[in-house]
Protein backbone atom coordinates (compact mmCIF):
# COMPACT_ATOMS: atom_id res chain seq x y z
CA UNK A 1 0.00 0.00 0.00
CA UNK A 2 1.33 3.41 -0.97
CA UNK A 3 1.85 5.96 1.82
CA UNK A 4 -0.36 9.08 1.29
CA UNK A 5 1.48 12.22 0.28
CA UNK A 6 1.59 15.03 2.87
CA UNK A 7 -0.46 17.34 0.65
CA UNK A 8 -3.22 14.69 0.40
CA UNK A 9 -3.59 14.44 4.20
CA UNK A 10 -3.61 18.18 4.86
CA UNK A 11 -6.89 20.05 5.47
CA UNK A 12 -8.59 21.02 2.21
CA UNK A 13 -7.68 24.70 2.61
CA UNK A 14 -3.96 23.84 2.68
CA UNK A 15 -3.84 21.19 -0.07
CA UNK A 16 -1.35 22.15 -2.70
CA UNK A 17 0.34 24.73 -0.50
CA UNK A 18 2.63 22.27 1.28
CA UNK A 19 4.36 21.31 -1.95
CA UNK A 20 4.80 24.99 -2.84
CA UNK A 21 6.95 25.64 0.24
CA UNK A 22 5.26 28.90 1.19
CA UNK A 23 7.29 31.22 3.37
CA UNK A 24 6.12 31.74 6.94
CA UNK A 25 4.87 35.27 6.28
CA UNK A 26 2.26 33.99 3.82
CA UNK A 27 0.62 31.46 6.12
CA UNK A 28 -2.62 32.62 7.75
CA UNK A 29 -4.74 31.08 10.46
CA UNK A 30 -8.21 31.76 11.79
CA UNK A 31 -10.50 34.29 10.12
CA UNK A 32 -7.81 35.30 7.62
CA UNK A 33 -7.42 31.76 6.26
CA UNK A 34 -10.02 32.07 3.52
CA UNK A 35 -8.56 35.26 2.02
CA UNK A 36 -5.00 33.98 2.42
CA UNK A 37 -5.69 30.71 0.61
CA UNK A 38 -7.30 32.66 -2.22
CA UNK A 39 -4.08 34.60 -2.62
CA UNK A 40 -5.41 37.79 -1.09
CA UNK A 41 -3.08 37.75 1.89
CA UNK A 42 -2.18 41.10 3.38
CA UNK A 43 0.16 41.67 6.26
CA UNK A 44 -1.38 43.24 9.34
CA UNK A 45 0.50 46.10 10.95
CA UNK A 46 2.12 44.35 13.89
CA UNK A 47 4.65 47.08 14.69
CA UNK A 48 4.93 47.49 18.41
CA UNK A 49 4.40 50.66 20.38
CA UNK A 50 5.53 51.05 23.97
CA UNK A 51 2.84 52.27 26.36
CA UNK A 52 3.55 54.51 29.33
CA UNK A 53 1.25 56.19 31.82
CA UNK A 54 1.75 58.10 35.04
CA UNK A 55 -1.43 56.44 36.38
CA UNK A 56 0.50 53.24 37.11
CA UNK A 57 3.94 52.63 38.62
CA UNK A 58 6.82 53.06 36.19
CA UNK A 59 8.79 50.07 34.97
CA UNK A 60 11.53 49.01 37.42
CA UNK A 61 13.73 47.43 34.76
CA UNK A 62 14.41 47.29 31.02
CA UNK A 63 10.80 46.74 29.92
CA UNK A 64 7.69 48.74 29.00
CA UNK A 65 4.60 49.13 31.18
CA UNK A 66 2.75 47.74 28.19
CA UNK A 67 3.01 47.22 24.46
CA UNK A 68 0.44 47.63 21.69
CA UNK A 69 0.98 45.46 18.61
CA UNK A 70 -1.62 45.47 15.87
CA UNK A 71 -4.99 45.25 17.59
CA UNK A 72 -3.57 43.64 20.75
CA UNK A 73 -2.39 45.25 23.97
CA UNK A 74 -0.09 43.47 26.41
CA UNK A 75 0.42 44.80 29.93
CA UNK A 76 3.54 43.91 31.82
CA UNK A 77 2.96 42.26 35.15
CA UNK A 78 1.69 44.84 37.62
CA UNK A 79 2.56 44.74 41.29
CA UNK A 80 0.19 46.06 43.97
CA UNK A 81 1.59 49.55 44.06
CA UNK A 82 0.29 53.08 43.88
CA UNK A 83 1.24 55.15 40.82
CA UNK A 84 4.11 56.67 42.85
CA UNK A 85 5.47 53.16 43.56
CA UNK A 86 4.32 52.64 47.17
CA UNK A 87 3.77 48.89 47.61
CA UNK A 88 0.55 47.57 49.18
CA UNK A 89 1.28 44.19 50.79
CA UNK A 90 -0.69 43.99 54.05
CA UNK A 91 -4.14 43.26 52.55
CA UNK A 92 -4.56 40.90 49.56
CA UNK A 93 -7.91 42.46 48.61
CA UNK A 94 -6.39 45.94 48.39
CA UNK A 95 -3.30 44.52 46.71
CA UNK A 96 -5.43 42.86 44.01
CA UNK A 97 -7.38 46.09 43.48
CA UNK A 98 -4.12 48.01 42.98
CA UNK A 99 -2.77 45.43 40.51
CA UNK A 100 -5.95 45.58 38.43
CA UNK A 101 -6.10 49.37 38.62
CA UNK A 102 -2.55 49.52 37.24
CA UNK A 103 -3.36 47.06 34.45
CA UNK A 104 -6.47 49.04 33.49
CA UNK A 105 -4.50 52.32 33.46
CA UNK A 106 -2.05 50.83 30.98
CA UNK A 107 -4.84 49.44 28.80
CA UNK A 108 -6.57 52.84 28.86
CA UNK A 109 -3.38 54.42 27.51
CA UNK A 110 -3.88 52.26 24.39
CA UNK A 111 -7.64 52.89 24.17
CA UNK A 112 -8.84 49.64 25.75
CA UNK A 113 -10.71 48.88 28.95
CA UNK A 114 -11.60 45.91 31.15
CA UNK A 115 -14.29 44.85 28.66
CA UNK A 116 -11.59 44.30 26.01
CA UNK A 117 -9.42 41.96 28.11
CA UNK A 118 -9.18 38.44 26.65
CA UNK A 119 -6.55 36.83 28.90
CA UNK A 120 -5.30 37.47 32.43
CA UNK A 121 -2.44 35.82 34.28
CA UNK A 122 -2.32 36.09 38.08
CA UNK A 123 0.81 35.23 40.04
CA UNK A 124 0.33 34.57 43.77
CA UNK A 125 2.91 33.79 46.44
CA UNK A 126 0.22 32.02 48.50
CA UNK A 127 -2.62 30.10 46.84
CA UNK A 128 -4.59 30.49 50.10
CA UNK A 129 -5.25 34.06 48.84
CA UNK A 130 -7.09 32.75 45.76
CA UNK A 131 -10.60 33.26 47.20
CA UNK A 132 -9.99 36.92 48.08
CA UNK A 133 -8.34 37.57 44.71
CA UNK A 134 -11.23 35.88 42.91
CA UNK A 135 -13.77 38.09 44.70
CA UNK A 136 -12.01 41.26 43.50
CA UNK A 137 -11.51 39.81 40.01
CA UNK A 138 -15.21 38.97 39.68
CA UNK A 139 -16.15 42.62 40.39
CA UNK A 140 -13.52 44.00 37.99
CA UNK A 141 -14.76 42.08 34.94
CA UNK A 142 -18.14 41.24 33.43
CA UNK A 143 -19.27 38.11 31.62
CA UNK A 144 -18.04 36.82 29.36
CA UNK A 145 -15.01 36.79 31.63
CA UNK A 146 -11.49 36.75 30.16
CA UNK A 147 -9.55 33.50 30.05
CA UNK A 148 -7.32 33.29 33.13
CA UNK A 149 -4.42 31.42 34.63
CA UNK A 150 -3.49 31.63 38.30
CA UNK A 151 -0.04 30.43 39.27
CA UNK A 152 1.57 30.13 42.69
CA UNK A 153 5.18 31.30 42.65
CA UNK A 154 7.94 31.22 45.24
CA UNK A 155 8.49 34.96 45.13
CA UNK A 156 7.73 38.20 43.31
CA UNK A 157 9.67 41.44 42.90
CA UNK A 158 9.83 43.68 45.98
CA UNK A 159 8.25 40.92 48.11
CA UNK A 160 4.80 41.52 46.59
CA UNK A 161 2.12 38.90 47.29
CA UNK A 162 0.53 39.22 43.82
CA UNK A 163 1.29 40.30 40.26
CA UNK A 164 -1.23 40.53 37.40
CA UNK A 165 -0.73 40.87 33.65
CA UNK A 166 -3.31 41.04 30.86
CA UNK A 167 -3.81 40.85 27.12
CA UNK A 168 -6.60 42.90 25.53
CA UNK A 169 -7.92 43.44 22.03
CA UNK A 170 -8.42 47.03 20.94
CA UNK A 171 -12.00 48.02 20.10
């Protein structure tokens, strides 16, 4: 029995393209697939723009508070600090509120808000704080809620108990 060729086992939309050896910048996924396969591919503007706001603590290293790329906005992880950098560590509820406030300030700089967030990552130094964090999180977002990961870590910068980062899609 003859082994099927790779192009015969590929999804219908890709048949014939595997043998052509298309370069990576011509391959599309998701909603763009149909126009790409028809040869109407256009590159999206994915140049990145650093975001900076005085309504959140400044970066404490060689990174941006956030970055906009195409229609996506990425916030750097935000510690529970006031815009002037004063850390809030004694109350996990207040700490979570500060983290989210900082994330939202960065998103606002790009023209997005909590309703545009699609993914959140929460880093906790103590998973016992999850319930309190979840209560604040539930009030900060509306259904449909963003996708989320919550990870316990051994430590965070400046001894913070929590750090939150987010990805949003511009309206």
